Structure formats: C-alpha cells, structure tokens
Amino acid sequence: MNDKSLIETVKRLLREHGEIVSYLFFGVCAMLVNMAAYYVLYELLDVGNVPATVLAWLAAVVFAFFTNKRWVFKSRRETGAGLLAELTSFFGCRVLTGILDVVIMAVAVDRLHGNGVLWKLVSNVVVTVLNYVASKFFIFKQKPDKK
C-alpha cells in the first residue's frame, strides 16, 4: 500500500466512522486525565484509593462533557434549557458509571490488594464503553429533522 492509498483509506474511515474515532480519541484523553489524576493523588500525594478514584473521576467527567459535546457528538444545544438537559443527563449517567468505577477499584485494590494503577486502567476501559453507549443513545442523541 502506498502513502497516497493509505491517506485515502484513512480519510474514508474518518468519513464513515468519524464519531467513533473521535470518541475513542477523546475517550483515551479522558482516560489519561483520569489515570494521571489518580496516579498523582493515590501514588504521589497518598490520598486514599476511593477518594482518589472519585476526584480523578470528577476531573475526567468535566473534561469528557466538553469534548463529547463539542467535538464528538457535535451537539448544538446552546440554550440554557438544552445545555442544562445535556449536563444533567451526562453527569447522571456518569455518576452511575462512576459508582461502578469506585466499586471495581474498592474491590480490586482495597479488598483483593491488586495494583491500583493497573486496575484503574481496566476499570476505565469498562467505563468508557458504557459511557459511549449512554452518550450516543441517551445524552447527545440527535433529534430527527422536522419536515
């Protein structure tokens, strides 16, 4: 495969699957925010596992809301009511997956004495998949055009 055909293939994939590619990119970025915050809090500042998990989750959720809204799902709701609805449903769904994150971390690290950073990665993968489904089908779903 030459460079030109590779570039054309990448362009085609982005046109056909741009939303998923964008979500994966910003999902990885949010995961890095989560992992970095957790690492700094838990490993460097000696904050407890669960409080570090919650604070890292909060940092990642704030980052994810703005990136998902603007660049992944390209939501154009800018009115106070529309923005509040998105924000409320986004944080509501994220609270549920945040609770799952805390449970995974509490069991794997505090109860089973697993490696915190490794289990944070595992937990983030599970949570990222669930968050995509919630964002795609419930939070930033596009309303059909009225004709």
N, C-alpha and C. Protein backbone atom coordinates (compact mmCIF):
# COMPACT_ATOMS: atom_id res chain seq x y z
N MET A 1 0.85 -1.18 0.00
CA MET A 1 0.00 0.00 0.00
C MET A 1 0.90 1.24 0.00
N ASN A 2 0.67 2.13 -0.93
CA ASN A 2 1.49 3.34 -0.98
C ASN A 2 0.90 4.42 -0.07
N ASP A 3 1.67 5.49 0.10
CA ASP A 3 1.25 6.57 1.01
C ASP A 3 -0.07 7.20 0.61
N LYS A 4 -0.27 7.38 -0.69
CA LYS A 4 -1.49 8.03 -1.17
C LYS A 4 -2.72 7.16 -0.88
N SER A 5 -2.61 5.87 -1.10
CA SER A 5 -3.76 5.00 -0.82
C SER A 5 -4.00 4.87 0.68
N LEU A 6 -2.95 4.93 1.47
CA LEU A 6 -3.12 4.91 2.92
C LEU A 6 -3.87 6.15 3.39
N ILE A 7 -3.49 7.29 2.87
CA ILE A 7 -4.15 8.55 3.24
C ILE A 7 -5.62 8.51 2.82
N GLU A 8 -5.90 8.01 1.63
CA GLU A 8 -7.28 7.90 1.15
C GLU A 8 -8.08 6.94 2.03
N THR A 9 -7.47 5.86 2.45
CA THR A 9 -8.14 4.89 3.32
C THR A 9 -8.46 5.52 4.67
N VAL A 10 -7.53 6.26 5.22
CA VAL A 10 -7.75 6.94 6.50
C VAL A 10 -8.88 7.96 6.37
N LYS A 11 -8.87 8.74 5.29
CA LYS A 11 -9.93 9.73 5.06
C LYS A 11 -11.30 9.06 4.96
N ARG A 12 -11.35 7.94 4.23
CA ARG A 12 -12.62 7.22 4.07
C ARG A 12 -13.12 6.70 5.42
N LEU A 13 -12.22 6.12 6.20
CA LEU A 13 -12.60 5.61 7.52
C LEU A 13 -13.09 6.74 8.43
N LEU A 14 -12.45 7.89 8.36
CA LEU A 14 -12.89 9.02 9.17
C LEU A 14 -14.27 9.52 8.74
N ARG A 15 -14.52 9.53 7.43
CA ARG A 15 -15.85 9.94 6.95
C ARG A 15 -16.91 8.95 7.42
N GLU A 16 -16.61 7.68 7.33
CA GLU A 16 -17.59 6.65 7.65
C GLU A 16 -17.75 6.41 9.14
N HIS A 17 -16.67 6.57 9.90
CA HIS A 17 -16.70 6.22 11.32
C HIS A 17 -16.12 7.33 12.19
N GLY A 18 -16.26 8.55 11.74
CA GLY A 18 -15.65 9.68 12.43
C GLY A 18 -16.07 9.83 13.89
N GLU A 19 -17.35 9.59 14.17
CA GLU A 19 -17.84 9.75 15.53
C GLU A 19 -17.15 8.78 16.48
N ILE A 20 -17.04 7.54 16.06
CA ILE A 20 -16.41 6.53 16.91
C ILE A 20 -14.92 6.83 17.08
N VAL A 21 -14.27 7.23 15.99
CA VAL A 21 -12.85 7.58 16.06
C VAL A 21 -12.65 8.76 17.02
N SER A 22 -13.51 9.78 16.88
CA SER A 22 -13.42 10.94 17.78
C SER A 22 -13.67 10.54 19.22
N TYR A 23 -14.68 9.68 19.44
CA TYR A 23 -14.98 9.25 20.80
C TYR A 23 -13.81 8.48 21.39
N LEU A 24 -13.23 7.60 20.58
CA LEU A 24 -12.08 6.83 21.07
C LEU A 24 -10.91 7.76 21.40
N PHE A 25 -10.65 8.73 20.53
CA PHE A 25 -9.56 9.67 20.78
C PHE A 25 -9.81 10.44 22.08
N PHE A 26 -10.98 11.07 22.19
CA PHE A 26 -11.25 11.86 23.40
C PHE A 26 -11.52 10.97 24.60
N GLY A 27 -11.98 9.74 24.36
CA GLY A 27 -12.13 8.78 25.45
C GLY A 27 -10.77 8.40 26.03
N VAL A 28 -9.80 8.20 25.16
CA VAL A 28 -8.44 7.92 25.62
C VAL A 28 -7.88 9.14 26.36
N CYS A 29 -8.16 10.34 25.84
CA CYS A 29 -7.71 11.56 26.52
C CYS A 29 -8.34 11.66 27.91
N ALA A 30 -9.65 11.39 28.01
CA ALA A 30 -10.33 11.43 29.31
C ALA A 30 -9.76 10.35 30.24
N MET A 31 -9.45 9.18 29.66
CA MET A 31 -8.85 8.11 30.45
C MET A 31 -7.49 8.55 30.98
N LEU A 32 -6.72 9.25 30.15
CA LEU A 32 -5.42 9.75 30.59
C LEU A 32 -5.57 10.79 31.70
N VAL A 33 -6.58 11.66 31.57
CA VAL A 33 -6.86 12.62 32.64
C VAL A 33 -7.18 11.86 33.92
N ASN A 34 -8.03 10.86 33.80
CA ASN A 34 -8.43 10.05 34.96
C ASN A 34 -7.23 9.34 35.57
N MET A 35 -6.44 8.69 34.72
CA MET A 35 -5.28 7.93 35.20
C MET A 35 -4.24 8.86 35.83
N ALA A 36 -3.97 9.99 35.18
CA ALA A 36 -2.97 10.93 35.72
C ALA A 36 -3.42 11.49 37.05
N ALA A 37 -4.68 11.89 37.14
CA ALA A 37 -5.20 12.44 38.40
C ALA A 37 -5.14 11.37 39.50
N TYR A 38 -5.54 10.15 39.16
CA TYR A 38 -5.50 9.06 40.14
C TYR A 38 -4.06 8.81 40.60
N TYR A 39 -3.16 8.73 39.64
CA TYR A 39 -1.75 8.46 39.97
C TYR A 39 -1.19 9.55 40.89
N VAL A 40 -1.42 10.80 40.54
CA VAL A 40 -0.90 11.89 41.37
C VAL A 40 -1.51 11.84 42.77
N LEU A 41 -2.81 11.66 42.84
CA LEU A 41 -3.49 11.64 44.14
C LEU A 41 -3.10 10.41 44.96
N TYR A 42 -3.20 9.23 44.35
CA TYR A 42 -3.02 7.98 45.10
C TYR A 42 -1.54 7.66 45.34
N GLU A 43 -0.74 7.75 44.30
CA GLU A 43 0.66 7.33 44.41
C GLU A 43 1.57 8.43 44.97
N LEU A 44 1.36 9.67 44.54
CA LEU A 44 2.28 10.74 44.94
C LEU A 44 1.83 11.49 46.19
N LEU A 45 0.53 11.75 46.29
CA LEU A 45 0.03 12.53 47.42
C LEU A 45 -0.55 11.67 48.54
N ASP A 46 -0.57 10.34 48.33
CA ASP A 46 -1.01 9.39 49.35
C ASP A 46 -2.46 9.61 49.79
N VAL A 47 -3.29 10.05 48.84
CA VAL A 47 -4.73 10.14 49.09
C VAL A 47 -5.27 8.72 49.04
N GLY A 48 -6.25 8.40 49.82
CA GLY A 48 -6.82 7.06 49.84
C GLY A 48 -7.36 6.64 48.48
N ASN A 49 -7.47 5.35 48.25
CA ASN A 49 -7.90 4.80 46.97
C ASN A 49 -9.26 5.34 46.52
N VAL A 50 -10.27 5.23 47.36
CA VAL A 50 -11.61 5.65 46.96
C VAL A 50 -11.69 7.17 46.76
N PRO A 51 -11.19 8.01 47.69
CA PRO A 51 -11.22 9.45 47.40
C PRO A 51 -10.43 9.83 46.13
N ALA A 52 -9.30 9.18 45.90
CA ALA A 52 -8.52 9.45 44.69
C ALA A 52 -9.30 9.04 43.44
N THR A 53 -10.01 7.93 43.52
CA THR A 53 -10.84 7.46 42.41
C THR A 53 -11.95 8.46 42.12
N VAL A 54 -12.61 8.96 43.15
CA VAL A 54 -13.72 9.91 42.98
C VAL A 54 -13.21 11.23 42.39
N LEU A 55 -12.12 11.76 42.90
CA LEU A 55 -11.59 13.02 42.39
C LEU A 55 -11.08 12.88 40.95
N ALA A 56 -10.45 11.76 40.65
CA ALA A 56 -9.98 11.51 39.29
C ALA A 56 -11.17 11.39 38.34
N TRP A 57 -12.22 10.72 38.79
CA TRP A 57 -13.45 10.59 38.01
C TRP A 57 -14.03 11.96 37.70
N LEU A 58 -14.10 12.82 38.69
CA LEU A 58 -14.66 14.16 38.51
C LEU A 58 -13.88 14.96 37.47
N ALA A 59 -12.57 14.91 37.54
CA ALA A 59 -11.74 15.61 36.56
C ALA A 59 -12.00 15.09 35.15
N ALA A 60 -12.10 13.78 35.01
CA ALA A 60 -12.33 13.17 33.70
C ALA A 60 -13.72 13.49 33.16
N VAL A 61 -14.72 13.54 34.03
CA VAL A 61 -16.09 13.81 33.61
C VAL A 61 -16.22 15.24 33.09
N VAL A 62 -15.63 16.18 33.78
CA VAL A 62 -15.67 17.57 33.31
C VAL A 62 -15.00 17.68 31.95
N PHE A 63 -13.83 17.08 31.80
CA PHE A 63 -13.13 17.08 30.52
C PHE A 63 -14.00 16.42 29.44
N ALA A 64 -14.58 15.27 29.75
CA ALA A 64 -15.35 14.50 28.78
C ALA A 64 -16.62 15.23 28.33
N PHE A 65 -17.28 15.93 29.23
CA PHE A 65 -18.51 16.62 28.84
C PHE A 65 -18.23 17.61 27.72
N PHE A 66 -17.23 18.43 27.91
CA PHE A 66 -16.96 19.47 26.91
C PHE A 66 -16.44 18.90 25.60
N THR A 67 -15.59 17.88 25.66
CA THR A 67 -15.08 17.30 24.42
C THR A 67 -16.17 16.51 23.70
N ASN A 68 -16.99 15.77 24.44
CA ASN A 68 -18.06 15.00 23.80
C ASN A 68 -19.10 15.93 23.17
N LYS A 69 -19.46 16.96 23.90
CA LYS A 69 -20.47 17.88 23.40
C LYS A 69 -20.00 18.56 22.13
N ARG A 70 -18.83 19.07 22.15
CA ARG A 70 -18.36 19.90 21.02
C ARG A 70 -17.81 19.09 19.85
N TRP A 71 -16.92 18.15 20.12
CA TRP A 71 -16.17 17.52 19.03
C TRP A 71 -16.62 16.12 18.67
N VAL A 72 -17.20 15.38 19.60
CA VAL A 72 -17.59 14.01 19.28
C VAL A 72 -19.01 13.97 18.71
N PHE A 73 -19.97 14.44 19.49
CA PHE A 73 -21.37 14.36 19.07
C PHE A 73 -21.87 15.66 18.44
N LYS A 74 -21.02 16.69 18.45
CA LYS A 74 -21.30 17.97 17.80
C LYS A 74 -22.68 18.52 18.15
N SER A 75 -22.98 18.47 19.44
CA SER A 75 -24.26 18.98 19.91
C SER A 75 -24.31 20.49 19.75
N ARG A 76 -25.43 20.97 19.28
CA ARG A 76 -25.60 22.41 19.06
C ARG A 76 -26.60 23.02 20.04
N ARG A 77 -26.96 22.27 21.06
CA ARG A 77 -27.87 22.84 22.06
C ARG A 77 -27.12 23.89 22.85
N GLU A 78 -27.51 25.13 22.68
CA GLU A 78 -26.82 26.23 23.34
C GLU A 78 -27.74 27.01 24.27
N THR A 79 -29.04 26.73 24.23
CA THR A 79 -29.95 27.44 25.13
C THR A 79 -29.74 26.95 26.55
N GLY A 80 -30.14 27.75 27.49
CA GLY A 80 -29.99 27.36 28.89
C GLY A 80 -30.64 26.03 29.20
N ALA A 81 -31.87 25.85 28.72
CA ALA A 81 -32.60 24.61 28.99
C ALA A 81 -31.94 23.41 28.31
N GLY A 82 -31.53 23.58 27.04
CA GLY A 82 -30.89 22.48 26.32
C GLY A 82 -29.56 22.08 26.93
N LEU A 83 -28.79 23.08 27.27
CA LEU A 83 -27.49 22.83 27.89
C LEU A 83 -27.65 22.16 29.25
N LEU A 84 -28.61 22.63 30.03
CA LEU A 84 -28.87 22.05 31.35
C LEU A 84 -29.32 20.60 31.22
N ALA A 85 -30.16 20.33 30.22
CA ALA A 85 -30.62 18.95 30.00
C ALA A 85 -29.45 18.03 29.67
N GLU A 86 -28.57 18.47 28.79
CA GLU A 86 -27.40 17.66 28.44
C GLU A 86 -26.49 17.47 29.65
N LEU A 87 -26.24 18.55 30.34
CA LEU A 87 -25.35 18.50 31.50
C LEU A 87 -25.90 17.55 32.57
N THR A 88 -27.19 17.66 32.84
CA THR A 88 -27.83 16.82 33.85
C THR A 88 -27.79 15.35 33.46
N SER A 89 -28.16 15.05 32.21
CA SER A 89 -28.16 13.64 31.80
C SER A 89 -26.74 13.10 31.70
N PHE A 90 -25.80 13.93 31.25
CA PHE A 90 -24.41 13.50 31.15
C PHE A 90 -23.86 13.14 32.53
N PHE A 91 -24.00 14.06 33.48
CA PHE A 91 -23.49 13.80 34.82
C PHE A 91 -24.26 12.66 35.50
N GLY A 92 -25.57 12.56 35.24
CA GLY A 92 -26.35 11.45 35.81
C GLY A 92 -25.84 10.10 35.36
N CYS A 93 -25.62 9.96 34.04
CA CYS A 93 -25.08 8.69 33.52
C CYS A 93 -23.67 8.46 34.03
N ARG A 94 -22.88 9.52 34.08
CA ARG A 94 -21.50 9.38 34.55
C ARG A 94 -21.44 9.02 36.03
N VAL A 95 -22.42 9.48 36.80
CA VAL A 95 -22.46 9.08 38.22
C VAL A 95 -22.63 7.57 38.32
N LEU A 96 -23.50 7.01 37.48
CA LEU A 96 -23.71 5.56 37.52
C LEU A 96 -22.44 4.80 37.16
N THR A 97 -21.76 5.23 36.09
CA THR A 97 -20.53 4.54 35.73
C THR A 97 -19.40 4.90 36.71
N GLY A 98 -19.49 6.07 37.33
CA GLY A 98 -18.53 6.44 38.37
C GLY A 98 -18.65 5.52 39.58
N ILE A 99 -19.89 5.20 39.93
CA ILE A 99 -20.11 4.25 41.04
C ILE A 99 -19.52 2.89 40.69
N LEU A 100 -19.72 2.46 39.45
CA LEU A 100 -19.12 1.20 39.00
C LEU A 100 -17.60 1.26 39.13
N ASP A 101 -17.01 2.38 38.72
CA ASP A 101 -15.56 2.59 38.83
C ASP A 101 -15.11 2.46 40.29
N VAL A 102 -15.82 3.12 41.18
CA VAL A 102 -15.45 3.07 42.60
C VAL A 102 -15.58 1.64 43.14
N VAL A 103 -16.63 0.94 42.75
CA VAL A 103 -16.82 -0.45 43.22
C VAL A 103 -15.69 -1.34 42.71
N ILE A 104 -15.38 -1.23 41.41
CA ILE A 104 -14.28 -2.03 40.85
C ILE A 104 -12.99 -1.75 41.61
N MET A 105 -12.69 -0.47 41.82
CA MET A 105 -11.44 -0.09 42.49
C MET A 105 -11.43 -0.53 43.96
N ALA A 106 -12.55 -0.37 44.65
CA ALA A 106 -12.61 -0.76 46.06
C ALA A 106 -12.40 -2.26 46.22
N VAL A 107 -13.06 -3.03 45.35
CA VAL A 107 -12.93 -4.49 45.45
C VAL A 107 -11.53 -4.93 45.01
N ALA A 108 -11.09 -4.47 43.85
CA ALA A 108 -9.82 -4.94 43.29
C ALA A 108 -8.61 -4.48 44.08
N VAL A 109 -8.63 -3.24 44.57
CA VAL A 109 -7.45 -2.70 45.24
C VAL A 109 -7.54 -2.86 46.76
N ASP A 110 -8.65 -2.41 47.34
CA ASP A 110 -8.75 -2.45 48.80
C ASP A 110 -9.01 -3.85 49.35
N ARG A 111 -9.84 -4.61 48.68
CA ARG A 111 -10.17 -5.95 49.18
C ARG A 111 -9.20 -7.03 48.70
N LEU A 112 -8.88 -6.99 47.39
CA LEU A 112 -8.04 -8.04 46.81
C LEU A 112 -6.57 -7.64 46.70
N HIS A 113 -6.26 -6.41 47.10
CA HIS A 113 -4.88 -5.89 47.12
C HIS A 113 -4.20 -5.92 45.76
N GLY A 114 -4.99 -5.63 44.72
CA GLY A 114 -4.44 -5.54 43.37
C GLY A 114 -3.71 -4.23 43.16
N ASN A 115 -3.00 -4.15 42.06
CA ASN A 115 -2.27 -2.94 41.69
C ASN A 115 -3.27 -1.85 41.30
N GLY A 116 -3.22 -0.71 42.01
CA GLY A 116 -4.18 0.37 41.80
C GLY A 116 -4.17 0.93 40.39
N VAL A 117 -3.00 1.19 39.84
CA VAL A 117 -2.90 1.79 38.52
C VAL A 117 -3.37 0.81 37.44
N LEU A 118 -3.01 -0.46 37.57
CA LEU A 118 -3.47 -1.47 36.62
C LEU A 118 -4.99 -1.61 36.66
N TRP A 119 -5.55 -1.69 37.84
CA TRP A 119 -6.99 -1.83 37.95
C TRP A 119 -7.72 -0.57 37.52
N LYS A 120 -7.08 0.58 37.67
CA LYS A 120 -7.68 1.83 37.19
C LYS A 120 -7.80 1.77 35.67
N LEU A 121 -6.81 1.22 35.00
CA LEU A 121 -6.86 1.06 33.55
C LEU A 121 -7.99 0.12 33.15
N VAL A 122 -8.09 -1.03 33.80
CA VAL A 122 -9.16 -2.00 33.50
C VAL A 122 -10.53 -1.35 33.71
N SER A 123 -10.69 -0.70 34.82
CA SER A 123 -11.95 -0.05 35.14
C SER A 123 -12.29 1.02 34.10
N ASN A 124 -11.30 1.78 33.68
CA ASN A 124 -11.52 2.84 32.69
C ASN A 124 -12.00 2.27 31.36
N VAL A 125 -11.49 1.14 30.95
CA VAL A 125 -11.92 0.54 29.69
C VAL A 125 -13.40 0.17 29.77
N VAL A 126 -13.80 -0.49 30.85
CA VAL A 126 -15.20 -0.87 31.03
C VAL A 126 -16.10 0.37 31.05
N VAL A 127 -15.71 1.35 31.82
CA VAL A 127 -16.50 2.57 31.97
C VAL A 127 -16.58 3.35 30.65
N THR A 128 -15.51 3.39 29.89
CA THR A 128 -15.50 4.12 28.62
C THR A 128 -16.51 3.53 27.64
N VAL A 129 -16.58 2.22 27.55
CA VAL A 129 -17.54 1.57 26.66
C VAL A 129 -18.97 1.91 27.09
N LEU A 130 -19.26 1.80 28.36
CA LEU A 130 -20.60 2.11 28.86
C LEU A 130 -20.94 3.59 28.65
N ASN A 131 -19.97 4.46 28.84
CA ASN A 131 -20.21 5.89 28.64
C ASN A 131 -20.51 6.23 27.19
N TYR A 132 -19.86 5.55 26.25
CA TYR A 132 -20.15 5.79 24.83
C TYR A 132 -21.60 5.46 24.53
N VAL A 133 -22.04 4.31 24.98
CA VAL A 133 -23.42 3.89 24.73
C VAL A 133 -24.40 4.92 25.31
N ALA A 134 -24.16 5.35 26.54
CA ALA A 134 -25.04 6.34 27.16
C ALA A 134 -25.02 7.66 26.40
N SER A 135 -23.84 8.12 26.02
CA SER A 135 -23.72 9.40 25.31
C SER A 135 -24.37 9.33 23.93
N LYS A 136 -24.14 8.27 23.22
CA LYS A 136 -24.65 8.12 21.85
C LYS A 136 -26.17 8.02 21.82
N PHE A 137 -26.73 7.22 22.71
CA PHE A 137 -28.15 6.90 22.60
C PHE A 137 -29.06 7.66 23.56
N PHE A 138 -28.49 8.32 24.56
CA PHE A 138 -29.35 9.00 25.53
C PHE A 138 -29.04 10.48 25.71
N ILE A 139 -27.78 10.85 25.73
CA ILE A 139 -27.41 12.20 26.13
C ILE A 139 -27.35 13.14 24.93
N PHE A 140 -26.54 12.82 23.94
CA PHE A 140 -26.32 13.70 22.80
C PHE A 140 -27.02 13.19 21.55
N LYS A 141 -28.08 12.43 21.72
CA LYS A 141 -28.77 11.90 20.54
C LYS A 141 -29.33 13.06 19.72
N GLN A 142 -29.22 12.89 18.44
CA GLN A 142 -29.69 13.92 17.52
C GLN A 142 -31.19 13.78 17.34
N LYS A 143 -31.90 14.89 17.44
CA LYS A 143 -33.34 14.86 17.20
C LYS A 143 -33.57 14.83 15.71
N PRO A 144 -34.55 14.04 15.26
CA PRO A 144 -34.82 13.98 13.82
C PRO A 144 -35.29 15.35 13.31
N ASP A 145 -34.89 15.66 12.09
CA ASP A 145 -35.30 16.93 11.49
C ASP A 145 -36.80 16.93 11.28
N LYS A 146 -37.44 18.05 11.58
CA LYS A 146 -38.88 18.20 11.36
C LYS A 146 -39.09 18.66 9.93
N LYS A 147 -39.94 17.97 9.22
CA LYS A 147 -40.21 18.34 7.82
C LYS A 147 -41.65 18.69 7.64
